[in-house]
């Protein structure tokens, strides 16, 4: 399946984002009442209107709430519709066979398995309970996009990042590509803020940008 078809399938999937742990999720009402002051609120509303995100209540999205690694991987795996459909197994994989801290019966176990087999490089000892940083989420999201899109290697001119020294060196490439793909942008001071803990609003906006990129491809 080509990248465009995969993207369209992802966009039409209903209610695939599950951010909350252990609590009931409610379908969003006509308006999230707590995103009026959020930059990019139109993107959050667009995803909600497409059925791609839900709030934690009928009127609340909790945009500033931090995203755990479990929620972040579920977000990426569900939002990009990662699956095992194109992979043949003699025996169905289980999370405990791949990760030391992901329980087989955890609500997020399937998301971790799907991400792993779709070229998202998750560490064996990844901790689902840990809050996810912006650079971590970016790295995994870009890997997911490039994996399902079968994107070619591209030569890019690296963007000057004011806080480049704060980046995890292993994430530098994916962060630079996220800027090229317009999944991310630098702040007014030219900083990426890699160690900041990613919020629900930031994650939703990045997913929206990733899906838009997958529709249009790389533009010079």
N, C-alpha and C. Protein backbone atom coordinates (compact mmCIF):
# COMPACT_ATOMS: atom_id res chain seq x y z
N UNK A 1 0.85 -1.19 0.00
CA UNK A 1 0.00 0.00 0.00
C UNK A 1 0.88 1.23 0.00
N UNK A 2 0.60 2.19 -0.91
CA UNK A 2 1.47 3.35 -0.98
C UNK A 2 1.18 4.32 0.14
N UNK A 3 2.06 5.34 0.23
CA UNK A 3 2.00 6.27 1.36
C UNK A 3 0.67 7.02 1.38
N UNK A 4 0.19 7.46 0.23
CA UNK A 4 -1.04 8.25 0.20
C UNK A 4 -2.22 7.42 0.68
N UNK A 5 -2.31 6.16 0.23
CA UNK A 5 -3.41 5.31 0.66
C UNK A 5 -3.34 5.04 2.15
N UNK A 6 -2.11 4.81 2.66
CA UNK A 6 -1.97 4.57 4.09
C UNK A 6 -2.41 5.78 4.89
N UNK A 7 -2.07 6.97 4.38
CA UNK A 7 -2.44 8.19 5.06
C UNK A 7 -3.94 8.37 5.08
N UNK A 8 -4.59 8.15 3.95
CA UNK A 8 -6.04 8.28 3.90
C UNK A 8 -6.71 7.29 4.83
N UNK A 9 -6.15 6.09 4.92
CA UNK A 9 -6.71 5.11 5.85
C UNK A 9 -6.58 5.59 7.28
N UNK A 10 -5.44 6.19 7.57
CA UNK A 10 -5.23 6.69 8.94
C UNK A 10 -6.21 7.80 9.27
N UNK A 11 -6.46 8.67 8.30
CA UNK A 11 -7.33 9.81 8.54
C UNK A 11 -8.77 9.37 8.75
N UNK A 12 -9.20 8.29 8.10
CA UNK A 12 -10.58 7.86 8.24
C UNK A 12 -10.80 6.93 9.40
N UNK A 13 -9.75 6.53 10.07
CA UNK A 13 -9.92 5.68 11.25
C UNK A 13 -10.56 6.47 12.38
N UNK A 14 -11.57 5.91 13.01
CA UNK A 14 -12.32 6.63 14.04
C UNK A 14 -11.82 6.29 15.42
N UNK A 15 -11.65 7.33 16.22
CA UNK A 15 -11.35 7.18 17.66
C UNK A 15 -10.12 6.34 17.92
N UNK A 16 -9.01 6.68 17.29
CA UNK A 16 -7.81 5.86 17.45
C UNK A 16 -6.84 6.40 18.46
N UNK A 17 -7.07 7.58 18.97
CA UNK A 17 -6.13 8.13 19.93
C UNK A 17 -6.64 7.91 21.34
N UNK A 18 -5.83 7.32 22.19
CA UNK A 18 -6.24 7.06 23.56
C UNK A 18 -5.17 7.58 24.48
N UNK A 19 -5.40 8.75 25.08
CA UNK A 19 -4.37 9.40 25.88
C UNK A 19 -4.47 9.08 27.35
N UNK A 20 -5.62 8.72 27.88
CA UNK A 20 -5.79 8.63 29.32
C UNK A 20 -5.62 7.21 29.81
N UNK A 21 -5.05 7.08 30.99
CA UNK A 21 -4.83 5.77 31.58
C UNK A 21 -5.89 5.50 32.63
N UNK A 22 -6.56 4.37 32.52
CA UNK A 22 -7.43 3.90 33.58
C UNK A 22 -8.70 4.68 33.77
N UNK A 23 -9.03 5.60 32.91
CA UNK A 23 -10.25 6.37 33.08
C UNK A 23 -11.10 6.29 31.84
N UNK A 24 -12.38 6.59 31.98
CA UNK A 24 -13.27 6.56 30.84
C UNK A 24 -12.96 7.72 29.92
N UNK A 25 -12.97 7.47 28.62
CA UNK A 25 -12.77 8.51 27.63
C UNK A 25 -14.12 8.85 27.02
N UNK A 26 -14.41 10.13 26.90
CA UNK A 26 -15.67 10.57 26.34
C UNK A 26 -15.44 11.17 24.97
N UNK A 27 -16.38 10.95 24.08
CA UNK A 27 -16.30 11.60 22.78
C UNK A 27 -16.40 13.09 22.98
N UNK A 28 -15.62 13.82 22.22
CA UNK A 28 -15.63 15.27 22.38
C UNK A 28 -16.94 15.86 21.90
N UNK A 29 -17.37 16.91 22.56
CA UNK A 29 -18.55 17.62 22.12
C UNK A 29 -18.20 18.52 20.95
N UNK A 30 -19.07 19.47 20.66
CA UNK A 30 -18.83 20.34 19.53
C UNK A 30 -17.57 21.19 19.72
N UNK A 31 -17.23 21.50 20.97
CA UNK A 31 -16.11 22.38 21.23
C UNK A 31 -15.37 21.95 22.49
N UNK A 32 -14.04 21.92 22.41
CA UNK A 32 -13.25 21.80 23.62
C UNK A 32 -13.16 23.19 24.23
N UNK A 33 -13.57 23.33 25.45
CA UNK A 33 -13.65 24.64 26.08
C UNK A 33 -12.34 25.08 26.70
N UNK A 34 -11.32 24.23 26.65
CA UNK A 34 -10.06 24.57 27.32
C UNK A 34 -8.90 24.74 26.34
N UNK A 35 -9.18 25.00 25.06
CA UNK A 35 -8.10 25.16 24.09
C UNK A 35 -8.10 26.53 23.43
N UNK A 36 -8.92 27.45 23.92
CA UNK A 36 -9.04 28.76 23.27
C UNK A 36 -7.72 29.51 23.20
N UNK A 37 -6.87 29.33 24.20
CA UNK A 37 -5.60 30.06 24.25
C UNK A 37 -4.42 29.23 23.75
N UNK A 38 -4.70 28.12 23.09
CA UNK A 38 -3.66 27.22 22.60
C UNK A 38 -3.33 27.55 21.15
N UNK A 39 -2.06 27.83 20.87
CA UNK A 39 -1.64 28.00 19.49
C UNK A 39 -1.81 26.68 18.75
N UNK A 40 -2.45 26.73 17.59
CA UNK A 40 -2.70 25.49 16.86
C UNK A 40 -4.00 24.84 17.21
N UNK A 41 -4.89 25.57 17.91
CA UNK A 41 -6.15 24.97 18.32
C UNK A 41 -6.98 24.50 17.12
N UNK A 42 -6.81 25.18 15.97
CA UNK A 42 -7.56 24.77 14.77
C UNK A 42 -7.17 23.37 14.34
N UNK A 43 -5.91 23.02 14.55
CA UNK A 43 -5.46 21.67 14.19
C UNK A 43 -6.06 20.63 15.12
N UNK A 44 -6.14 20.98 16.40
CA UNK A 44 -6.76 20.07 17.36
C UNK A 44 -8.23 19.88 17.02
N UNK A 45 -8.91 20.97 16.70
CA UNK A 45 -10.32 20.89 16.33
C UNK A 45 -10.50 20.07 15.07
N UNK A 46 -9.59 20.25 14.10
CA UNK A 46 -9.68 19.48 12.85
C UNK A 46 -9.56 17.98 13.11
N UNK A 47 -8.58 17.59 13.95
CA UNK A 47 -8.42 16.18 14.27
C UNK A 47 -9.65 15.64 14.99
N UNK A 48 -10.19 16.47 15.90
CA UNK A 48 -11.40 16.05 16.62
C UNK A 48 -12.56 15.87 15.66
N UNK A 49 -12.72 16.79 14.72
CA UNK A 49 -13.82 16.71 13.77
C UNK A 49 -13.69 15.52 12.83
N UNK A 50 -12.45 15.07 12.61
CA UNK A 50 -12.22 13.88 11.78
C UNK A 50 -12.38 12.59 12.58
N UNK A 51 -12.60 12.72 13.89
CA UNK A 51 -12.73 11.54 14.73
C UNK A 51 -11.40 10.95 15.14
N UNK A 52 -10.33 11.74 15.06
CA UNK A 52 -9.00 11.22 15.34
C UNK A 52 -8.53 11.46 16.76
N UNK A 53 -9.17 12.33 17.48
CA UNK A 53 -8.84 12.51 18.89
C UNK A 53 -10.11 12.63 19.71
N UNK A 54 -9.97 12.33 20.98
CA UNK A 54 -11.06 12.48 21.94
C UNK A 54 -10.59 13.32 23.11
N UNK A 55 -11.53 13.90 23.81
CA UNK A 55 -11.20 14.60 25.02
C UNK A 55 -11.31 13.67 26.22
N UNK A 56 -10.97 14.19 27.38
CA UNK A 56 -11.11 13.41 28.61
C UNK A 56 -12.50 13.62 29.20
N UNK A 57 -13.26 14.55 28.63
CA UNK A 57 -14.66 14.73 28.95
C UNK A 57 -15.31 15.31 27.70
N UNK A 58 -16.57 15.60 27.77
CA UNK A 58 -17.26 16.11 26.60
C UNK A 58 -16.75 17.49 26.19
N UNK A 59 -16.18 18.23 27.12
CA UNK A 59 -15.77 19.59 26.80
C UNK A 59 -14.31 19.88 27.11
N UNK A 60 -13.58 18.90 27.61
CA UNK A 60 -12.19 19.13 28.00
C UNK A 60 -11.21 18.27 27.21
N UNK A 61 -10.16 18.91 26.75
CA UNK A 61 -9.08 18.20 26.08
C UNK A 61 -7.85 18.07 26.97
N UNK A 62 -7.74 18.92 27.97
CA UNK A 62 -6.57 18.99 28.85
C UNK A 62 -5.29 19.17 28.04
N UNK A 63 -5.18 20.27 27.31
CA UNK A 63 -4.05 20.45 26.39
C UNK A 63 -2.69 20.50 27.06
N UNK A 64 -2.63 20.91 28.31
CA UNK A 64 -1.35 21.04 28.99
C UNK A 64 -0.93 19.78 29.73
N UNK A 65 -1.78 18.77 29.73
CA UNK A 65 -1.46 17.52 30.42
C UNK A 65 -0.29 16.83 29.74
N UNK A 66 0.64 16.31 30.54
CA UNK A 66 1.82 15.65 30.00
C UNK A 66 1.47 14.25 29.47
N UNK A 67 2.20 13.81 28.48
CA UNK A 67 1.97 12.53 27.81
C UNK A 67 2.99 11.50 28.29
N UNK A 68 2.52 10.37 28.79
CA UNK A 68 3.44 9.30 29.16
C UNK A 68 3.94 8.58 27.91
N UNK A 69 4.97 7.80 28.08
CA UNK A 69 5.49 7.03 26.95
C UNK A 69 4.43 6.06 26.41
N UNK A 70 3.66 5.45 27.30
CA UNK A 70 2.59 4.56 26.85
C UNK A 70 1.59 5.31 25.99
N UNK A 71 1.19 6.48 26.45
CA UNK A 71 0.23 7.28 25.69
C UNK A 71 0.82 7.76 24.38
N UNK A 72 2.10 8.16 24.41
CA UNK A 72 2.75 8.65 23.22
C UNK A 72 2.88 7.59 22.13
N UNK A 73 3.24 6.38 22.52
CA UNK A 73 3.37 5.29 21.54
C UNK A 73 2.00 4.88 21.02
N UNK A 74 0.99 4.88 21.89
CA UNK A 74 -0.37 4.61 21.43
C UNK A 74 -0.80 5.69 20.44
N UNK A 75 -0.47 6.92 20.75
CA UNK A 75 -0.78 8.05 19.89
C UNK A 75 -0.19 7.85 18.49
N UNK A 76 1.10 7.54 18.43
CA UNK A 76 1.79 7.37 17.15
C UNK A 76 1.29 6.13 16.42
N UNK A 77 1.20 5.02 17.12
CA UNK A 77 0.79 3.77 16.49
C UNK A 77 -0.63 3.86 15.96
N UNK A 78 -1.53 4.45 16.76
CA UNK A 78 -2.91 4.59 16.32
C UNK A 78 -3.07 5.64 15.25
N UNK A 79 -2.41 6.80 15.46
CA UNK A 79 -2.57 7.90 14.51
C UNK A 79 -2.03 7.58 13.13
N UNK A 80 -0.97 6.80 13.05
CA UNK A 80 -0.39 6.41 11.77
C UNK A 80 -0.93 5.06 11.29
N UNK A 81 -1.81 4.47 12.06
CA UNK A 81 -2.42 3.16 11.77
C UNK A 81 -1.36 2.10 11.51
N UNK A 82 -0.40 2.02 12.40
CA UNK A 82 0.61 0.98 12.30
C UNK A 82 -0.02 -0.36 12.66
N UNK A 83 0.30 -1.39 11.91
CA UNK A 83 -0.28 -2.71 12.17
C UNK A 83 0.68 -3.80 11.71
N UNK A 84 0.28 -5.03 11.95
CA UNK A 84 1.08 -6.18 11.53
C UNK A 84 0.49 -6.85 10.29
N UNK A 85 -0.42 -6.16 9.61
CA UNK A 85 -1.16 -6.77 8.51
C UNK A 85 -0.25 -7.27 7.39
N UNK A 86 0.84 -6.59 7.15
CA UNK A 86 1.72 -6.96 6.03
C UNK A 86 2.88 -7.84 6.45
N UNK A 87 2.84 -8.33 7.70
CA UNK A 87 3.96 -9.11 8.22
C UNK A 87 3.47 -10.51 8.56
N UNK A 88 4.21 -11.52 8.14
CA UNK A 88 3.86 -12.91 8.43
C UNK A 88 4.65 -13.40 9.64
N UNK A 89 3.96 -14.03 10.57
CA UNK A 89 4.60 -14.58 11.75
C UNK A 89 4.21 -16.06 11.90
N UNK A 90 5.18 -16.86 12.32
CA UNK A 90 4.85 -18.24 12.66
C UNK A 90 4.07 -18.29 13.97
N UNK A 91 4.37 -17.32 14.83
CA UNK A 91 3.71 -17.20 16.12
C UNK A 91 3.52 -15.73 16.41
N UNK A 92 2.33 -15.36 16.86
CA UNK A 92 2.03 -13.96 17.13
C UNK A 92 2.98 -13.41 18.18
N UNK A 93 3.58 -12.25 17.93
CA UNK A 93 4.52 -11.67 18.91
C UNK A 93 3.78 -11.18 20.15
N UNK A 94 4.49 -11.18 21.26
CA UNK A 94 3.95 -10.65 22.51
C UNK A 94 4.89 -9.57 23.02
N UNK A 95 4.33 -8.63 23.73
CA UNK A 95 5.12 -7.48 24.18
C UNK A 95 6.29 -7.90 25.07
N UNK A 96 6.05 -8.87 25.95
CA UNK A 96 7.11 -9.28 26.88
C UNK A 96 8.28 -9.93 26.17
N UNK A 97 8.09 -10.37 24.94
CA UNK A 97 9.18 -10.93 24.16
C UNK A 97 10.06 -9.86 23.53
N UNK A 98 9.56 -8.62 23.53
CA UNK A 98 10.27 -7.51 22.91
C UNK A 98 10.78 -6.49 23.91
N UNK A 99 10.03 -6.33 25.01
CA UNK A 99 10.32 -5.27 25.98
C UNK A 99 10.30 -5.83 27.40
N UNK A 100 11.13 -5.26 28.23
CA UNK A 100 11.21 -5.77 29.61
C UNK A 100 10.18 -5.15 30.54
N UNK A 101 9.61 -3.99 30.15
CA UNK A 101 8.70 -3.29 31.05
C UNK A 101 7.29 -3.11 30.49
N UNK A 102 7.00 -3.76 29.37
CA UNK A 102 5.67 -3.68 28.76
C UNK A 102 4.96 -5.01 28.99
N UNK A 103 3.90 -4.98 29.78
CA UNK A 103 3.17 -6.19 30.11
C UNK A 103 2.28 -6.62 28.94
N UNK A 104 2.15 -7.92 28.77
CA UNK A 104 1.39 -8.45 27.64
C UNK A 104 -0.07 -8.02 27.65
N UNK A 105 -0.65 -7.85 28.83
CA UNK A 105 -2.07 -7.52 28.92
C UNK A 105 -2.32 -6.03 29.13
N UNK A 106 -1.27 -5.22 29.05
CA UNK A 106 -1.44 -3.78 29.21
C UNK A 106 -2.24 -3.22 28.03
N UNK A 107 -3.02 -2.17 28.28
CA UNK A 107 -3.86 -1.60 27.23
C UNK A 107 -3.06 -1.07 26.05
N UNK A 108 -1.79 -0.75 26.29
CA UNK A 108 -0.94 -0.17 25.26
C UNK A 108 -0.01 -1.19 24.61
N UNK A 109 -0.09 -2.46 25.01
CA UNK A 109 0.86 -3.47 24.53
C UNK A 109 0.85 -3.59 23.01
N UNK A 110 -0.34 -3.62 22.42
CA UNK A 110 -0.43 -3.78 20.97
C UNK A 110 0.21 -2.61 20.23
N UNK A 111 0.06 -1.41 20.78
CA UNK A 111 0.67 -0.24 20.15
C UNK A 111 2.18 -0.35 20.11
N UNK A 112 2.77 -0.85 21.19
CA UNK A 112 4.22 -1.02 21.23
C UNK A 112 4.67 -2.08 20.21
N UNK A 113 3.94 -3.18 20.13
CA UNK A 113 4.28 -4.23 19.17
C UNK A 113 4.18 -3.71 17.74
N UNK A 114 3.09 -3.03 17.44
CA UNK A 114 2.90 -2.50 16.09
C UNK A 114 3.98 -1.48 15.72
N UNK A 115 4.33 -0.63 16.66
CA UNK A 115 5.37 0.35 16.39
C UNK A 115 6.71 -0.34 16.12
N UNK A 116 7.03 -1.31 16.96
CA UNK A 116 8.30 -2.02 16.85
C UNK A 116 8.46 -2.67 15.48
N UNK A 117 7.40 -3.30 14.99
CA UNK A 117 7.49 -4.01 13.71
C UNK A 117 7.25 -3.10 12.51
N UNK A 118 7.05 -1.83 12.76
CA UNK A 118 6.94 -0.86 11.67
C UNK A 118 8.09 0.15 11.73
N UNK A 119 9.24 -0.36 12.15
CA UNK A 119 10.51 0.37 12.05
C UNK A 119 10.62 1.55 13.00
N UNK A 120 9.85 1.54 14.08
CA UNK A 120 10.05 2.52 15.14
C UNK A 120 10.99 1.88 16.15
N UNK A 121 12.14 2.45 16.32
CA UNK A 121 13.21 1.83 17.11
C UNK A 121 13.01 2.11 18.60
N UNK A 122 12.24 1.26 19.24
CA UNK A 122 11.96 1.40 20.67
C UNK A 122 12.97 0.58 21.47
N UNK A 123 13.57 1.18 22.49
CA UNK A 123 14.53 0.43 23.31
C UNK A 123 13.86 -0.75 24.02
N UNK A 124 14.61 -1.80 24.23
CA UNK A 124 14.07 -2.98 24.91
C UNK A 124 13.58 -2.64 26.31
N UNK A 125 14.27 -1.70 26.98
CA UNK A 125 13.92 -1.35 28.35
C UNK A 125 13.07 -0.09 28.44
N UNK A 126 12.36 0.27 27.38
CA UNK A 126 11.53 1.47 27.39
C UNK A 126 10.51 1.40 28.52
N UNK A 127 10.32 2.52 29.20
CA UNK A 127 9.45 2.57 30.37
C UNK A 127 8.12 3.25 30.01
N UNK A 128 7.03 2.51 29.95
CA UNK A 128 5.74 3.08 29.55
C UNK A 128 5.23 4.16 30.49
N UNK A 129 5.68 4.16 31.73
CA UNK A 129 5.15 5.10 32.72
C UNK A 129 5.89 6.43 32.71
N UNK A 130 7.02 6.49 32.06
CA UNK A 130 7.84 7.70 32.05
C UNK A 130 7.21 8.77 31.16
N UNK A 131 7.26 10.01 31.62
CA UNK A 131 6.77 11.11 30.79
C UNK A 131 7.68 11.27 29.58
N UNK A 132 7.07 11.47 28.42
CA UNK A 132 7.83 11.53 27.17
C UNK A 132 8.29 12.95 26.89
N UNK A 133 9.54 13.10 26.46
CA UNK A 133 10.06 14.41 26.09
C UNK A 133 9.74 14.72 24.64
N UNK A 134 9.89 15.99 24.29
CA UNK A 134 9.62 16.41 22.92
C UNK A 134 10.54 15.71 21.93
N UNK A 135 11.82 15.56 22.28
CA UNK A 135 12.75 14.93 21.34
C UNK A 135 12.45 13.44 21.18
N UNK A 136 12.02 12.79 22.24
CA UNK A 136 11.66 11.37 22.15
C UNK A 136 10.44 11.18 21.25
N UNK A 137 9.41 11.95 21.51
CA UNK A 137 8.18 11.83 20.71
C UNK A 137 8.47 12.14 19.24
N UNK A 138 9.26 13.18 19.01
CA UNK A 138 9.63 13.54 17.64
C UNK A 138 10.37 12.40 16.95
N UNK A 139 11.32 11.82 17.63
CA UNK A 139 12.11 10.73 17.05
C UNK A 139 11.22 9.56 16.64
N UNK A 140 10.34 9.13 17.54
CA UNK A 140 9.48 7.99 17.24
C UNK A 140 8.44 8.32 16.16
N UNK A 141 7.90 9.52 16.20
CA UNK A 141 6.90 9.91 15.19
C UNK A 141 7.53 9.96 13.81
N UNK A 142 8.71 10.55 13.69
CA UNK A 142 9.39 10.62 12.40
C UNK A 142 9.73 9.23 11.90
N UNK A 143 10.19 8.35 12.77
CA UNK A 143 10.47 6.98 12.35
C UNK A 143 9.21 6.29 11.84
N UNK A 144 8.09 6.52 12.51
CA UNK A 144 6.83 5.93 12.07
C UNK A 144 6.41 6.44 10.70
N UNK A 145 6.51 7.74 10.50
CA UNK A 145 6.16 8.35 9.22
C UNK A 145 7.05 7.81 8.11
N UNK A 146 8.34 7.76 8.36
CA UNK A 146 9.27 7.31 7.33
C UNK A 146 9.12 5.81 7.08
N UNK A 147 8.78 5.06 8.10
CA UNK A 147 8.62 3.62 7.94
C UNK A 147 7.44 3.26 7.05
N UNK A 148 6.28 3.83 7.34
CA UNK A 148 5.10 3.46 6.55
C UNK A 148 5.09 4.15 5.19
N UNK A 149 5.81 5.26 5.08
CA UNK A 149 5.86 5.96 3.81
C UNK A 149 6.95 5.48 2.89
N UNK A 150 7.84 4.61 3.42
CA UNK A 150 8.99 4.14 2.63
C UNK A 150 9.71 5.32 1.97
N UNK A 151 9.97 6.35 2.76
CA UNK A 151 10.55 7.56 2.21
C UNK A 151 12.00 7.34 1.80
N UNK A 152 12.41 7.96 0.71
CA UNK A 152 13.80 7.85 0.28
C UNK A 152 14.71 8.67 1.18
N UNK A 153 15.98 8.33 1.18
CA UNK A 153 16.95 9.14 1.89
C UNK A 153 17.05 10.49 1.20
N UNK A 154 17.09 11.55 1.98
CA UNK A 154 17.17 12.87 1.40
C UNK A 154 18.37 13.62 2.00
N UNK A 155 18.92 14.50 1.19
CA UNK A 155 19.98 15.37 1.68
C UNK A 155 19.35 16.69 2.10
N UNK A 156 19.56 17.06 3.34
CA UNK A 156 19.00 18.31 3.82
C UNK A 156 20.12 19.19 4.37
N UNK A 157 19.89 20.48 4.29
CA UNK A 157 20.80 21.43 4.91
C UNK A 157 20.36 21.59 6.36
N UNK A 158 21.18 21.19 7.31
CA UNK A 158 20.75 21.26 8.71
C UNK A 158 20.38 22.68 9.12
N UNK A 159 19.31 22.76 9.86
CA UNK A 159 18.86 24.05 10.40
C UNK A 159 19.67 24.36 11.66
N UNK A 160 20.02 25.61 11.84
CA UNK A 160 20.71 26.01 13.06
C UNK A 160 19.72 25.98 14.22
N UNK A 161 20.01 25.19 15.23
CA UNK A 161 19.17 25.07 16.41
C UNK A 161 19.92 25.68 17.59
N UNK A 162 19.35 26.69 18.19
CA UNK A 162 20.07 27.44 19.23
C UNK A 162 20.48 26.57 20.41
N UNK A 163 19.65 25.57 20.74
CA UNK A 163 19.98 24.68 21.87
C UNK A 163 20.39 23.31 21.38
N UNK A 164 21.10 23.28 20.26
CA UNK A 164 21.55 22.02 19.67
C UNK A 164 22.34 21.17 20.66
N UNK A 165 23.08 21.81 21.54
CA UNK A 165 23.90 21.06 22.50
C UNK A 165 23.06 20.25 23.47
N UNK A 166 21.79 20.61 23.60
CA UNK A 166 20.91 19.91 24.53
C UNK A 166 20.26 18.68 23.90
N UNK A 167 20.40 18.53 22.58
CA UNK A 167 19.77 17.40 21.90
C UNK A 167 20.50 16.09 22.22
N UNK A 168 19.74 15.03 22.33
CA UNK A 168 20.34 13.70 22.36
C UNK A 168 20.94 13.46 20.98
N UNK A 169 22.23 13.18 20.89
CA UNK A 169 22.87 13.03 19.58
C UNK A 169 22.18 12.01 18.68
N UNK A 170 21.61 10.96 19.25
CA UNK A 170 20.97 9.94 18.43
C UNK A 170 19.64 10.41 17.84
N UNK A 171 19.13 11.53 18.34
CA UNK A 171 17.86 12.06 17.84
C UNK A 171 18.06 13.23 16.87
N UNK A 172 19.29 13.68 16.69
CA UNK A 172 19.53 14.88 15.90
C UNK A 172 19.01 14.76 14.47
N UNK A 173 19.24 13.60 13.84
CA UNK A 173 18.81 13.41 12.46
C UNK A 173 17.30 13.49 12.32
N UNK A 174 16.58 12.78 13.17
CA UNK A 174 15.12 12.78 13.07
C UNK A 174 14.54 14.15 13.42
N UNK A 175 15.18 14.87 14.34
CA UNK A 175 14.72 16.22 14.67
C UNK A 175 14.92 17.15 13.48
N UNK A 176 16.07 17.07 12.84
CA UNK A 176 16.31 17.90 11.65
C UNK A 176 15.29 17.57 10.55
N UNK A 177 14.99 16.29 10.37
CA UNK A 177 14.03 15.90 9.34
C UNK A 177 12.62 16.35 9.72
N UNK A 178 12.31 16.35 11.01
CA UNK A 178 10.99 16.83 11.44
C UNK A 178 10.81 18.30 11.11
N UNK A 179 11.90 19.06 11.15
CA UNK A 179 11.83 20.46 10.77
C UNK A 179 11.66 20.59 9.25
N UNK A 180 12.35 19.75 8.49
CA UNK A 180 12.20 19.74 7.03
C UNK A 180 10.79 19.34 6.63
N UNK A 181 10.23 18.35 7.33
CA UNK A 181 8.88 17.87 7.03
C UNK A 181 7.80 18.82 7.56
N UNK A 182 8.21 19.83 8.33
CA UNK A 182 7.30 20.79 8.95
C UNK A 182 6.38 20.13 9.99
N UNK A 183 6.87 19.04 10.57
CA UNK A 183 6.18 18.45 11.70
C UNK A 183 6.41 19.31 12.94
N UNK A 184 7.62 19.87 13.02
CA UNK A 184 8.00 20.75 14.11
C UNK A 184 8.51 22.07 13.57
N UNK A 185 8.61 23.05 14.46
CA UNK A 185 9.26 24.31 14.15
C UNK A 185 9.99 24.78 15.39
N UNK A 186 10.95 25.65 15.21
CA UNK A 186 11.69 26.20 16.34
C UNK A 186 10.90 27.34 16.95
N UNK A 187 11.19 27.65 18.21
CA UNK A 187 10.49 28.76 18.85
C UNK A 187 11.09 30.10 18.41
N UNK A 188 10.59 31.18 18.98
CA UNK A 188 11.01 32.51 18.56
C UNK A 188 12.49 32.77 18.78
N UNK A 189 13.08 32.00 19.67
CA UNK A 189 14.51 32.15 19.96
C UNK A 189 15.36 31.12 19.22
N UNK A 190 14.75 30.40 18.30
CA UNK A 190 15.49 29.42 17.53
C UNK A 190 15.78 28.14 18.28
N UNK A 191 15.05 27.90 19.36
CA UNK A 191 15.28 26.72 20.18
C UNK A 191 14.25 25.62 19.87
N UNK A 192 14.69 24.37 20.06
CA UNK A 192 13.81 23.22 19.90
C UNK A 192 13.22 22.77 21.24
N UNK A 193 13.91 23.04 22.32
CA UNK A 193 13.48 22.64 23.67
C UNK A 193 13.29 21.12 23.76
N UNK A 194 14.35 20.36 23.46
CA UNK A 194 14.22 18.91 23.34
C UNK A 194 13.84 18.19 24.63
N UNK A 195 14.26 18.72 25.76
CA UNK A 195 14.01 18.02 27.02
C UNK A 195 12.69 18.40 27.67
N UNK A 196 11.93 19.29 27.05
CA UNK A 196 10.62 19.64 27.61
C UNK A 196 9.69 18.43 27.52
N UNK A 197 8.83 18.29 28.52
CA UNK A 197 7.88 17.18 28.53
C UNK A 197 6.72 17.53 27.61
N UNK A 198 6.45 16.65 26.65
CA UNK A 198 5.47 16.96 25.62
C UNK A 198 4.06 16.93 26.20
N UNK A 199 3.23 17.84 25.74
CA UNK A 199 1.85 17.93 26.20
C UNK A 199 0.90 17.32 25.18
N UNK A 200 -0.34 17.14 25.60
CA UNK A 200 -1.36 16.60 24.69
C UNK A 200 -1.54 17.52 23.49
N UNK A 201 -1.53 18.83 23.73
CA UNK A 201 -1.70 19.76 22.62
C UNK A 201 -0.55 19.65 21.63
N UNK A 202 0.68 19.61 22.14
CA UNK A 202 1.84 19.49 21.27
C UNK A 202 1.80 18.19 20.47
N UNK A 203 1.44 17.11 21.13
CA UNK A 203 1.38 15.82 20.45
C UNK A 203 0.33 15.82 19.35
N UNK A 204 -0.84 16.40 19.64
CA UNK A 204 -1.91 16.46 18.64
C UNK A 204 -1.49 17.29 17.44
N UNK A 205 -0.86 18.43 17.70
CA UNK A 205 -0.43 19.30 16.61
C UNK A 205 0.65 18.63 15.76
N UNK A 206 1.57 17.93 16.41
CA UNK A 206 2.60 17.22 15.65
C UNK A 206 2.00 16.11 14.80
N UNK A 207 1.02 15.40 15.34
CA UNK A 207 0.37 14.37 14.54
C UNK A 207 -0.32 14.98 13.33
N UNK A 208 -1.04 16.07 13.54
CA UNK A 208 -1.70 16.76 12.43
C UNK A 208 -0.68 17.13 11.36
N UNK A 209 0.43 17.72 11.78
CA UNK A 209 1.47 18.13 10.83
C UNK A 209 2.05 16.93 10.09
N UNK A 210 2.22 15.82 10.81
CA UNK A 210 2.76 14.61 10.18
C UNK A 210 1.81 14.08 9.12
N UNK A 211 0.52 14.07 9.42
CA UNK A 211 -0.46 13.59 8.45
C UNK A 211 -0.54 14.52 7.24
N UNK A 212 -0.40 15.82 7.47
CA UNK A 212 -0.38 16.76 6.36
C UNK A 212 0.85 16.54 5.48
N UNK A 213 1.98 16.28 6.12
CA UNK A 213 3.19 15.99 5.34
C UNK A 213 3.01 14.74 4.50
N UNK A 214 2.39 13.73 5.07
CA UNK A 214 2.21 12.48 4.33
C UNK A 214 1.28 12.66 3.14
N UNK A 215 0.40 13.63 3.21
CA UNK A 215 -0.47 13.92 2.07
C UNK A 215 0.31 14.59 0.94
N UNK A 216 1.17 15.52 1.31
CA UNK A 216 1.77 16.39 0.30
C UNK A 216 3.20 16.01 -0.07
N UNK A 217 3.90 15.28 0.83
CA UNK A 217 5.26 14.90 0.55
C UNK A 217 6.24 16.04 0.82
N UNK A 218 7.48 15.80 0.47
CA UNK A 218 8.54 16.77 0.72
C UNK A 218 8.47 17.87 -0.34
N UNK A 219 8.48 19.10 0.15
CA UNK A 219 8.51 20.24 -0.75
C UNK A 219 9.81 21.01 -0.50
N UNK A 220 10.40 21.48 -1.55
CA UNK A 220 11.65 22.24 -1.42
C UNK A 220 11.37 23.63 -0.88
